[in-house]
Amino acid sequence: MLMNRNLGDLPLLGVFLGIAEHAYELALAAARGTQKKGKAPSAELPGIQHMIAEIEILLTTARAMVGQMGSIADNFLEEFYGKKIPIERAHELLKDHQSMKWVINRNAIEMVNRAMDFVGGRGFMDKHPLSRLYRDVRAGPFMQPYSPTEAQDYIGKVALGLYPER
């Protein structure tokens, strides 16, 4: 059961990374657009460049974590292929997954929020793709197997070697 939770939830990391990537694309498009008549494109403003850089850094971190979790899971499966998995090792894998899920979800939320800053109020309109991304990304921290408060309890317990029974 614990391994099913581990492996079954790995694709969710990619889902929230994809939401963040799409929000970033929308922010780039908004930043590259022109401001009011006769003014320079907003991409030429240092403040806009700084905000785009911040999103880029968050995105790079999230991508690295998804890749790292994939490597950890691959190595784990290779090590235990056809073998009985010690419960402690399964908990260690889930702890790593939950830690990375925490960061990826938080980064994705921050990237969508910043994309909203670029797009402005129209991003809240039902027809704008950011409105859907905004709602979807907020669900990430509550996706299984643990909610935010449960995740912190679990991560802390396992880091201290206090492995739950289930």
N, C-alpha and C. Protein backbone atom coordinates (compact mmCIF):
# COMPACT_ATOMS: atom_id res chain seq x y z
N MET A 1 0.82 -1.20 0.00
CA MET A 1 0.00 0.00 0.00
C MET A 1 0.86 1.26 0.00
N LEU A 2 1.88 1.29 0.85
CA LEU A 2 2.74 2.47 0.94
C LEU A 2 3.47 2.72 -0.38
N MET A 3 3.91 1.65 -1.05
CA MET A 3 4.59 1.82 -2.33
C MET A 3 3.63 2.34 -3.39
N ASN A 4 2.39 1.91 -3.36
CA ASN A 4 1.40 2.42 -4.32
C ASN A 4 1.20 3.91 -4.14
N ARG A 5 1.20 4.38 -2.88
CA ARG A 5 1.08 5.81 -2.62
C ARG A 5 2.28 6.55 -3.19
N ASN A 6 3.45 5.97 -3.00
CA ASN A 6 4.67 6.60 -3.50
C ASN A 6 4.64 6.75 -5.02
N LEU A 7 4.49 5.64 -5.68
CA LEU A 7 4.62 5.62 -7.13
C LEU A 7 3.41 6.22 -7.83
N GLY A 8 2.23 6.04 -7.26
CA GLY A 8 1.02 6.57 -7.87
C GLY A 8 0.94 8.08 -7.85
N ASP A 9 1.61 8.69 -6.90
CA ASP A 9 1.54 10.14 -6.77
C ASP A 9 2.68 10.88 -7.48
N LEU A 10 3.65 10.16 -8.00
CA LEU A 10 4.75 10.82 -8.70
C LEU A 10 4.29 11.69 -9.87
N PRO A 11 3.34 11.23 -10.68
CA PRO A 11 2.90 12.08 -11.81
C PRO A 11 2.32 13.43 -11.38
N LEU A 12 1.81 13.52 -10.15
CA LEU A 12 1.26 14.80 -9.70
C LEU A 12 2.33 15.89 -9.65
N LEU A 13 3.57 15.50 -9.40
CA LEU A 13 4.65 16.49 -9.42
C LEU A 13 4.73 17.13 -10.80
N GLY A 14 4.63 16.30 -11.83
CA GLY A 14 4.67 16.80 -13.20
C GLY A 14 3.47 17.65 -13.55
N VAL A 15 2.32 17.32 -13.01
CA VAL A 15 1.11 18.10 -13.28
C VAL A 15 1.31 19.54 -12.80
N PHE A 16 1.78 19.69 -11.57
CA PHE A 16 1.92 21.03 -11.02
C PHE A 16 3.10 21.78 -11.62
N LEU A 17 4.11 21.04 -12.06
CA LEU A 17 5.18 21.67 -12.83
C LEU A 17 4.62 22.20 -14.15
N GLY A 18 3.77 21.41 -14.81
CA GLY A 18 3.16 21.85 -16.07
C GLY A 18 2.29 23.08 -15.90
N ILE A 19 1.54 23.15 -14.82
CA ILE A 19 0.74 24.34 -14.53
C ILE A 19 1.65 25.55 -14.41
N ALA A 20 2.74 25.38 -13.67
CA ALA A 20 3.68 26.49 -13.47
C ALA A 20 4.32 26.91 -14.79
N GLU A 21 4.68 25.94 -15.62
CA GLU A 21 5.30 26.27 -16.91
C GLU A 21 4.33 27.06 -17.80
N HIS A 22 3.07 26.66 -17.81
CA HIS A 22 2.10 27.38 -18.63
C HIS A 22 1.89 28.80 -18.11
N ALA A 23 1.82 28.95 -16.79
CA ALA A 23 1.68 30.29 -16.21
C ALA A 23 2.89 31.15 -16.58
N TYR A 24 4.06 30.55 -16.58
CA TYR A 24 5.29 31.28 -16.96
C TYR A 24 5.21 31.75 -18.41
N GLU A 25 4.73 30.87 -19.29
CA GLU A 25 4.57 31.25 -20.70
C GLU A 25 3.63 32.44 -20.84
N LEU A 26 2.55 32.42 -20.07
CA LEU A 26 1.60 33.54 -20.12
C LEU A 26 2.23 34.82 -19.57
N ALA A 27 3.05 34.70 -18.53
CA ALA A 27 3.74 35.88 -17.97
C ALA A 27 4.73 36.44 -18.98
N LEU A 28 5.47 35.56 -19.65
CA LEU A 28 6.41 36.01 -20.69
C LEU A 28 5.68 36.74 -21.80
N ALA A 29 4.57 36.19 -22.24
CA ALA A 29 3.80 36.82 -23.31
C ALA A 29 3.31 38.20 -22.87
N ALA A 30 2.85 38.31 -21.62
CA ALA A 30 2.38 39.60 -21.12
C ALA A 30 3.54 40.59 -21.00
N ALA A 31 4.69 40.11 -20.54
CA ALA A 31 5.85 40.99 -20.37
C ALA A 31 6.41 41.46 -21.71
N ARG A 32 6.28 40.63 -22.73
CA ARG A 32 6.81 41.01 -24.04
C ARG A 32 5.86 41.93 -24.80
N GLY A 33 4.63 42.05 -24.34
CA GLY A 33 3.65 42.93 -24.99
C GLY A 33 4.03 44.38 -24.74
N THR A 34 3.36 45.28 -25.41
CA THR A 34 3.65 46.70 -25.20
C THR A 34 2.68 47.30 -24.20
N GLN A 35 3.16 48.34 -23.55
CA GLN A 35 2.29 49.06 -22.62
C GLN A 35 1.46 50.04 -23.43
N LYS A 36 0.90 51.03 -22.78
CA LYS A 36 0.02 51.98 -23.46
C LYS A 36 0.74 52.70 -24.59
N LYS A 37 -0.01 53.27 -25.49
CA LYS A 37 0.47 53.91 -26.71
C LYS A 37 1.80 54.64 -26.53
N GLY A 38 2.75 54.30 -27.41
CA GLY A 38 4.00 55.03 -27.47
C GLY A 38 5.03 54.67 -26.42
N LYS A 39 4.71 53.85 -25.47
CA LYS A 39 5.67 53.50 -24.42
C LYS A 39 6.45 52.26 -24.83
N ALA A 40 7.62 52.09 -24.22
CA ALA A 40 8.49 50.95 -24.51
C ALA A 40 7.84 49.65 -24.04
N PRO A 41 8.20 48.53 -24.68
CA PRO A 41 7.68 47.24 -24.20
C PRO A 41 8.07 47.04 -22.73
N SER A 42 7.17 46.43 -21.99
CA SER A 42 7.43 46.24 -20.57
C SER A 42 8.64 45.35 -20.33
N ALA A 43 9.00 44.49 -21.27
CA ALA A 43 10.16 43.61 -21.12
C ALA A 43 11.46 44.41 -20.98
N GLU A 44 11.46 45.64 -21.42
CA GLU A 44 12.66 46.46 -21.33
C GLU A 44 12.84 47.10 -19.96
N LEU A 45 11.85 47.01 -19.12
CA LEU A 45 11.94 47.61 -17.79
C LEU A 45 12.69 46.69 -16.84
N PRO A 46 13.66 47.21 -16.07
CA PRO A 46 14.43 46.37 -15.15
C PRO A 46 13.56 45.64 -14.13
N GLY A 47 12.51 46.28 -13.64
CA GLY A 47 11.64 45.61 -12.67
C GLY A 47 10.95 44.39 -13.25
N ILE A 48 10.53 44.48 -14.50
CA ILE A 48 9.89 43.35 -15.19
C ILE A 48 10.92 42.24 -15.39
N GLN A 49 12.13 42.61 -15.80
CA GLN A 49 13.19 41.62 -15.98
C GLN A 49 13.48 40.88 -14.68
N HIS A 50 13.48 41.63 -13.58
CA HIS A 50 13.73 41.03 -12.28
C HIS A 50 12.62 40.04 -11.91
N MET A 51 11.37 40.44 -12.15
CA MET A 51 10.25 39.55 -11.83
C MET A 51 10.27 38.28 -12.69
N ILE A 52 10.61 38.42 -13.95
CA ILE A 52 10.72 37.24 -14.83
C ILE A 52 11.87 36.35 -14.35
N ALA A 53 12.97 36.94 -13.94
CA ALA A 53 14.10 36.16 -13.42
C ALA A 53 13.68 35.37 -12.19
N GLU A 54 12.89 35.98 -11.31
CA GLU A 54 12.43 35.28 -10.12
C GLU A 54 11.57 34.07 -10.48
N ILE A 55 10.70 34.24 -11.46
CA ILE A 55 9.87 33.10 -11.90
C ILE A 55 10.76 32.03 -12.52
N GLU A 56 11.72 32.44 -13.32
CA GLU A 56 12.64 31.49 -13.96
C GLU A 56 13.39 30.67 -12.92
N ILE A 57 13.82 31.31 -11.84
CA ILE A 57 14.55 30.60 -10.78
C ILE A 57 13.62 29.61 -10.08
N LEU A 58 12.39 30.01 -9.79
CA LEU A 58 11.43 29.09 -9.18
C LEU A 58 11.16 27.90 -10.10
N LEU A 59 11.04 28.16 -11.39
CA LEU A 59 10.77 27.11 -12.35
C LEU A 59 11.95 26.15 -12.46
N THR A 60 13.15 26.69 -12.47
CA THR A 60 14.35 25.85 -12.55
C THR A 60 14.44 24.94 -11.33
N THR A 61 14.13 25.47 -10.17
CA THR A 61 14.13 24.67 -8.93
C THR A 61 13.10 23.55 -9.01
N ALA A 62 11.90 23.87 -9.45
CA ALA A 62 10.84 22.86 -9.55
C ALA A 62 11.22 21.77 -10.56
N ARG A 63 11.76 22.16 -11.70
CA ARG A 63 12.19 21.17 -12.70
C ARG A 63 13.26 20.26 -12.15
N ALA A 64 14.22 20.83 -11.43
CA ALA A 64 15.29 20.02 -10.85
C ALA A 64 14.73 19.02 -9.84
N MET A 65 13.75 19.44 -9.07
CA MET A 65 13.17 18.54 -8.08
C MET A 65 12.39 17.40 -8.73
N VAL A 66 11.66 17.68 -9.77
CA VAL A 66 10.94 16.61 -10.47
C VAL A 66 11.96 15.61 -11.03
N GLY A 67 13.02 16.09 -11.63
CA GLY A 67 14.06 15.21 -12.14
C GLY A 67 14.73 14.41 -11.05
N GLN A 68 15.02 15.05 -9.93
CA GLN A 68 15.65 14.37 -8.80
C GLN A 68 14.74 13.28 -8.24
N MET A 69 13.46 13.58 -8.11
CA MET A 69 12.53 12.57 -7.58
C MET A 69 12.42 11.40 -8.54
N GLY A 70 12.44 11.67 -9.82
CA GLY A 70 12.43 10.59 -10.80
C GLY A 70 13.65 9.69 -10.66
N SER A 71 14.81 10.30 -10.47
CA SER A 71 16.05 9.52 -10.28
C SER A 71 16.01 8.71 -8.99
N ILE A 72 15.52 9.32 -7.92
CA ILE A 72 15.41 8.61 -6.64
C ILE A 72 14.48 7.41 -6.78
N ALA A 73 13.33 7.60 -7.43
CA ALA A 73 12.37 6.51 -7.61
C ALA A 73 12.97 5.41 -8.50
N ASP A 74 13.64 5.79 -9.59
CA ASP A 74 14.27 4.80 -10.46
C ASP A 74 15.30 3.97 -9.70
N ASN A 75 16.15 4.63 -8.95
CA ASN A 75 17.18 3.92 -8.17
C ASN A 75 16.56 2.99 -7.14
N PHE A 76 15.51 3.46 -6.49
CA PHE A 76 14.81 2.66 -5.49
C PHE A 76 14.23 1.40 -6.13
N LEU A 77 13.54 1.57 -7.25
CA LEU A 77 12.92 0.43 -7.92
C LEU A 77 13.97 -0.55 -8.43
N GLU A 78 15.08 -0.04 -8.91
CA GLU A 78 16.16 -0.92 -9.37
C GLU A 78 16.73 -1.72 -8.20
N GLU A 79 16.93 -1.04 -7.08
CA GLU A 79 17.50 -1.71 -5.91
C GLU A 79 16.57 -2.79 -5.36
N PHE A 80 15.27 -2.56 -5.39
CA PHE A 80 14.35 -3.50 -4.76
C PHE A 80 13.52 -4.31 -5.75
N TYR A 81 13.90 -4.31 -7.00
CA TYR A 81 13.17 -5.08 -7.99
C TYR A 81 13.13 -6.55 -7.58
N GLY A 82 11.92 -7.09 -7.40
CA GLY A 82 11.75 -8.49 -7.04
C GLY A 82 12.09 -8.82 -5.59
N LYS A 83 12.34 -7.81 -4.79
CA LYS A 83 12.72 -8.04 -3.39
C LYS A 83 11.66 -7.44 -2.47
N LYS A 84 11.67 -7.91 -1.24
CA LYS A 84 10.79 -7.32 -0.22
C LYS A 84 11.37 -5.96 0.17
N ILE A 85 10.49 -4.98 0.21
CA ILE A 85 10.92 -3.61 0.52
C ILE A 85 10.78 -3.37 2.02
N PRO A 86 11.88 -3.04 2.68
CA PRO A 86 11.77 -2.71 4.11
C PRO A 86 10.89 -1.47 4.30
N ILE A 87 10.01 -1.52 5.29
CA ILE A 87 9.05 -0.43 5.52
C ILE A 87 9.78 0.89 5.74
N GLU A 88 10.93 0.85 6.39
CA GLU A 88 11.68 2.09 6.64
C GLU A 88 12.12 2.74 5.33
N ARG A 89 12.54 1.93 4.38
CA ARG A 89 12.98 2.46 3.09
C ARG A 89 11.80 3.02 2.30
N ALA A 90 10.66 2.38 2.40
CA ALA A 90 9.46 2.89 1.73
C ALA A 90 9.07 4.24 2.32
N HIS A 91 9.17 4.36 3.64
CA HIS A 91 8.87 5.65 4.29
C HIS A 91 9.89 6.71 3.88
N GLU A 92 11.14 6.34 3.75
CA GLU A 92 12.16 7.31 3.33
C GLU A 92 11.86 7.84 1.93
N LEU A 93 11.43 6.94 1.05
CA LEU A 93 11.06 7.36 -0.31
C LEU A 93 9.86 8.30 -0.27
N LEU A 94 8.86 7.97 0.52
CA LEU A 94 7.68 8.83 0.60
C LEU A 94 8.02 10.17 1.25
N LYS A 95 8.92 10.17 2.21
CA LYS A 95 9.37 11.43 2.83
C LYS A 95 10.02 12.33 1.79
N ASP A 96 10.90 11.74 0.96
CA ASP A 96 11.53 12.53 -0.10
C ASP A 96 10.48 13.08 -1.06
N HIS A 97 9.53 12.24 -1.43
CA HIS A 97 8.47 12.66 -2.35
C HIS A 97 7.67 13.81 -1.74
N GLN A 98 7.27 13.67 -0.49
CA GLN A 98 6.48 14.71 0.16
C GLN A 98 7.26 16.02 0.30
N SER A 99 8.55 15.91 0.57
CA SER A 99 9.38 17.13 0.68
C SER A 99 9.45 17.85 -0.65
N MET A 100 9.65 17.09 -1.71
CA MET A 100 9.73 17.71 -3.04
C MET A 100 8.38 18.22 -3.49
N LYS A 101 7.32 17.48 -3.17
CA LYS A 101 5.96 17.92 -3.50
C LYS A 101 5.68 19.27 -2.83
N TRP A 102 6.12 19.42 -1.60
CA TRP A 102 5.94 20.67 -0.86
C TRP A 102 6.55 21.83 -1.62
N VAL A 103 7.79 21.67 -2.04
CA VAL A 103 8.51 22.76 -2.73
C VAL A 103 7.90 23.01 -4.10
N ILE A 104 7.62 21.97 -4.84
CA ILE A 104 7.06 22.13 -6.19
C ILE A 104 5.70 22.81 -6.12
N ASN A 105 4.85 22.39 -5.20
CA ASN A 105 3.54 23.03 -5.06
C ASN A 105 3.68 24.50 -4.69
N ARG A 106 4.54 24.80 -3.75
CA ARG A 106 4.73 26.19 -3.32
C ARG A 106 5.30 27.04 -4.45
N ASN A 107 6.27 26.50 -5.16
CA ASN A 107 6.84 27.24 -6.30
C ASN A 107 5.80 27.47 -7.38
N ALA A 108 5.00 26.44 -7.67
CA ALA A 108 3.97 26.58 -8.71
C ALA A 108 2.96 27.65 -8.32
N ILE A 109 2.54 27.66 -7.06
CA ILE A 109 1.60 28.69 -6.60
C ILE A 109 2.22 30.07 -6.76
N GLU A 110 3.47 30.21 -6.38
CA GLU A 110 4.14 31.51 -6.48
C GLU A 110 4.28 31.95 -7.94
N MET A 111 4.59 31.01 -8.83
CA MET A 111 4.72 31.36 -10.25
C MET A 111 3.39 31.80 -10.84
N VAL A 112 2.31 31.11 -10.50
CA VAL A 112 1.00 31.51 -11.01
C VAL A 112 0.62 32.88 -10.44
N ASN A 113 0.89 33.10 -9.16
CA ASN A 113 0.61 34.42 -8.57
C ASN A 113 1.37 35.53 -9.29
N ARG A 114 2.62 35.27 -9.60
CA ARG A 114 3.42 36.30 -10.28
C ARG A 114 2.94 36.49 -11.72
N ALA A 115 2.52 35.41 -12.36
CA ALA A 115 1.96 35.55 -13.71
C ALA A 115 0.70 36.42 -13.66
N MET A 116 -0.09 36.26 -12.61
CA MET A 116 -1.28 37.11 -12.42
C MET A 116 -0.87 38.57 -12.31
N ASP A 117 0.24 38.83 -11.64
CA ASP A 117 0.73 40.21 -11.52
C ASP A 117 1.00 40.81 -12.91
N PHE A 118 1.55 40.01 -13.81
CA PHE A 118 1.84 40.50 -15.15
C PHE A 118 0.58 40.73 -15.95
N VAL A 119 -0.31 39.77 -15.89
CA VAL A 119 -1.51 39.81 -16.72
C VAL A 119 -2.53 40.81 -16.17
N GLY A 120 -2.59 40.92 -14.86
CA GLY A 120 -3.51 41.86 -14.24
C GLY A 120 -4.90 41.27 -14.08
N GLY A 121 -5.88 42.12 -13.86
CA GLY A 121 -7.24 41.71 -13.56
C GLY A 121 -7.88 40.81 -14.58
N ARG A 122 -7.50 40.94 -15.84
CA ARG A 122 -8.13 40.08 -16.85
C ARG A 122 -7.78 38.61 -16.62
N GLY A 123 -6.70 38.33 -15.88
CA GLY A 123 -6.34 36.95 -15.56
C GLY A 123 -7.35 36.25 -14.68
N PHE A 124 -8.22 37.01 -14.02
CA PHE A 124 -9.26 36.43 -13.18
C PHE A 124 -10.53 36.10 -13.95
N MET A 125 -10.63 36.59 -15.16
CA MET A 125 -11.83 36.36 -15.95
C MET A 125 -11.90 34.88 -16.36
N ASP A 126 -13.11 34.33 -16.40
CA ASP A 126 -13.29 32.92 -16.72
C ASP A 126 -12.66 32.50 -18.04
N LYS A 127 -12.65 33.38 -19.01
CA LYS A 127 -12.14 33.02 -20.33
C LYS A 127 -10.61 33.04 -20.41
N HIS A 128 -9.97 33.61 -19.43
CA HIS A 128 -8.50 33.68 -19.44
C HIS A 128 -7.92 32.40 -18.86
N PRO A 129 -6.91 31.82 -19.52
CA PRO A 129 -6.34 30.55 -19.03
C PRO A 129 -5.76 30.64 -17.61
N LEU A 130 -5.32 31.80 -17.21
CA LEU A 130 -4.76 31.93 -15.87
C LEU A 130 -5.79 31.71 -14.77
N SER A 131 -7.04 32.01 -15.04
CA SER A 131 -8.07 31.82 -14.01
C SER A 131 -8.17 30.34 -13.64
N ARG A 132 -8.10 29.48 -14.63
CA ARG A 132 -8.14 28.03 -14.38
C ARG A 132 -6.85 27.55 -13.72
N LEU A 133 -5.72 28.03 -14.20
CA LEU A 133 -4.44 27.65 -13.59
C LEU A 133 -4.38 28.06 -12.13
N TYR A 134 -4.92 29.24 -11.84
CA TYR A 134 -4.93 29.75 -10.47
C TYR A 134 -5.72 28.82 -9.55
N ARG A 135 -6.90 28.41 -9.99
CA ARG A 135 -7.72 27.50 -9.18
C ARG A 135 -7.05 26.13 -9.03
N ASP A 136 -6.53 25.61 -10.13
CA ASP A 136 -5.93 24.27 -10.11
C ASP A 136 -4.68 24.21 -9.24
N VAL A 137 -3.84 25.22 -9.36
CA VAL A 137 -2.57 25.18 -8.62
C VAL A 137 -2.79 25.26 -7.12
N ARG A 138 -3.85 25.92 -6.71
CA ARG A 138 -4.14 26.03 -5.27
C ARG A 138 -4.52 24.68 -4.66
N ALA A 139 -4.94 23.73 -5.48
CA ALA A 139 -5.31 22.40 -4.99
C ALA A 139 -4.09 21.52 -4.73
N GLY A 140 -2.96 21.85 -5.29
CA GLY A 140 -1.76 21.02 -5.19
C GLY A 140 -1.37 20.60 -3.79
N PRO A 141 -1.27 21.53 -2.87
CA PRO A 141 -0.85 21.12 -1.52
C PRO A 141 -1.81 20.14 -0.84
N PHE A 142 -3.06 20.10 -1.28
CA PHE A 142 -4.04 19.24 -0.63
C PHE A 142 -4.18 17.88 -1.30
N MET A 143 -3.43 17.67 -2.39
CA MET A 143 -3.48 16.39 -3.08
C MET A 143 -2.83 15.33 -2.21
N GLN A 144 -3.24 14.10 -2.45
CA GLN A 144 -2.75 12.97 -1.66
C GLN A 144 -1.25 12.78 -1.88
N PRO A 145 -0.56 12.12 -1.00
CA PRO A 145 -1.16 11.42 0.12
C PRO A 145 -1.35 12.28 1.37
N TYR A 146 -0.73 13.44 1.47
CA TYR A 146 -0.85 14.23 2.68
C TYR A 146 -1.18 15.69 2.40
N SER A 147 -2.01 16.27 3.27
CA SER A 147 -2.28 17.70 3.23
C SER A 147 -1.06 18.42 3.81
N PRO A 148 -0.99 19.75 3.71
CA PRO A 148 0.19 20.46 4.20
C PRO A 148 0.55 20.17 5.66
N THR A 149 -0.41 20.20 6.56
CA THR A 149 -0.07 19.94 7.97
C THR A 149 0.29 18.49 8.20
N GLU A 150 -0.38 17.58 7.52
CA GLU A 150 -0.04 16.16 7.64
C GLU A 150 1.34 15.88 7.06
N ALA A 151 1.67 16.56 5.97
CA ALA A 151 2.97 16.36 5.34
C ALA A 151 4.10 16.76 6.28
N GLN A 152 3.95 17.89 6.94
CA GLN A 152 5.00 18.31 7.87
C GLN A 152 5.16 17.32 9.01
N ASP A 153 4.05 16.83 9.56
CA ASP A 153 4.14 15.82 10.62
C ASP A 153 4.87 14.58 10.12
N TYR A 154 4.46 14.11 8.93
CA TYR A 154 5.05 12.90 8.37
C TYR A 154 6.54 13.08 8.08
N ILE A 155 6.90 14.15 7.41
CA ILE A 155 8.30 14.40 7.06
C ILE A 155 9.15 14.47 8.34
N GLY A 156 8.66 15.19 9.34
CA GLY A 156 9.40 15.30 10.60
C GLY A 156 9.57 13.96 11.29
N LYS A 157 8.51 13.16 11.35
CA LYS A 157 8.59 11.85 12.00
C LYS A 157 9.61 10.97 11.30
N VAL A 158 9.51 10.86 10.00
CA VAL A 158 10.40 9.97 9.27
C VAL A 158 11.85 10.46 9.35
N ALA A 159 12.05 11.77 9.27
CA ALA A 159 13.41 12.31 9.41
C ALA A 159 14.02 11.96 10.77
N LEU A 160 13.16 11.84 11.78
CA LEU A 160 13.61 11.48 13.13
C LEU A 160 13.65 9.96 13.36
N GLY A 161 13.32 9.20 12.32
CA GLY A 161 13.33 7.75 12.45
C GLY A 161 12.11 7.18 13.15
N LEU A 162 11.04 7.96 13.21
CA LEU A 162 9.79 7.52 13.83
C LEU A 162 8.84 7.10 12.72
N TYR A 163 8.97 5.87 12.26
CA TYR A 163 8.22 5.40 11.10
C TYR A 163 6.79 5.02 11.49
N PRO A 164 5.80 5.64 10.82
CA PRO A 164 4.41 5.28 11.09
C PRO A 164 4.14 3.81 10.72
N GLU A 165 3.16 3.24 11.33
CA GLU A 165 2.81 1.84 11.06
C GLU A 165 2.28 1.65 9.65
N ARG A 166 1.59 2.66 9.12
CA ARG A 166 0.99 2.56 7.79
C ARG A 166 1.58 3.59 6.89
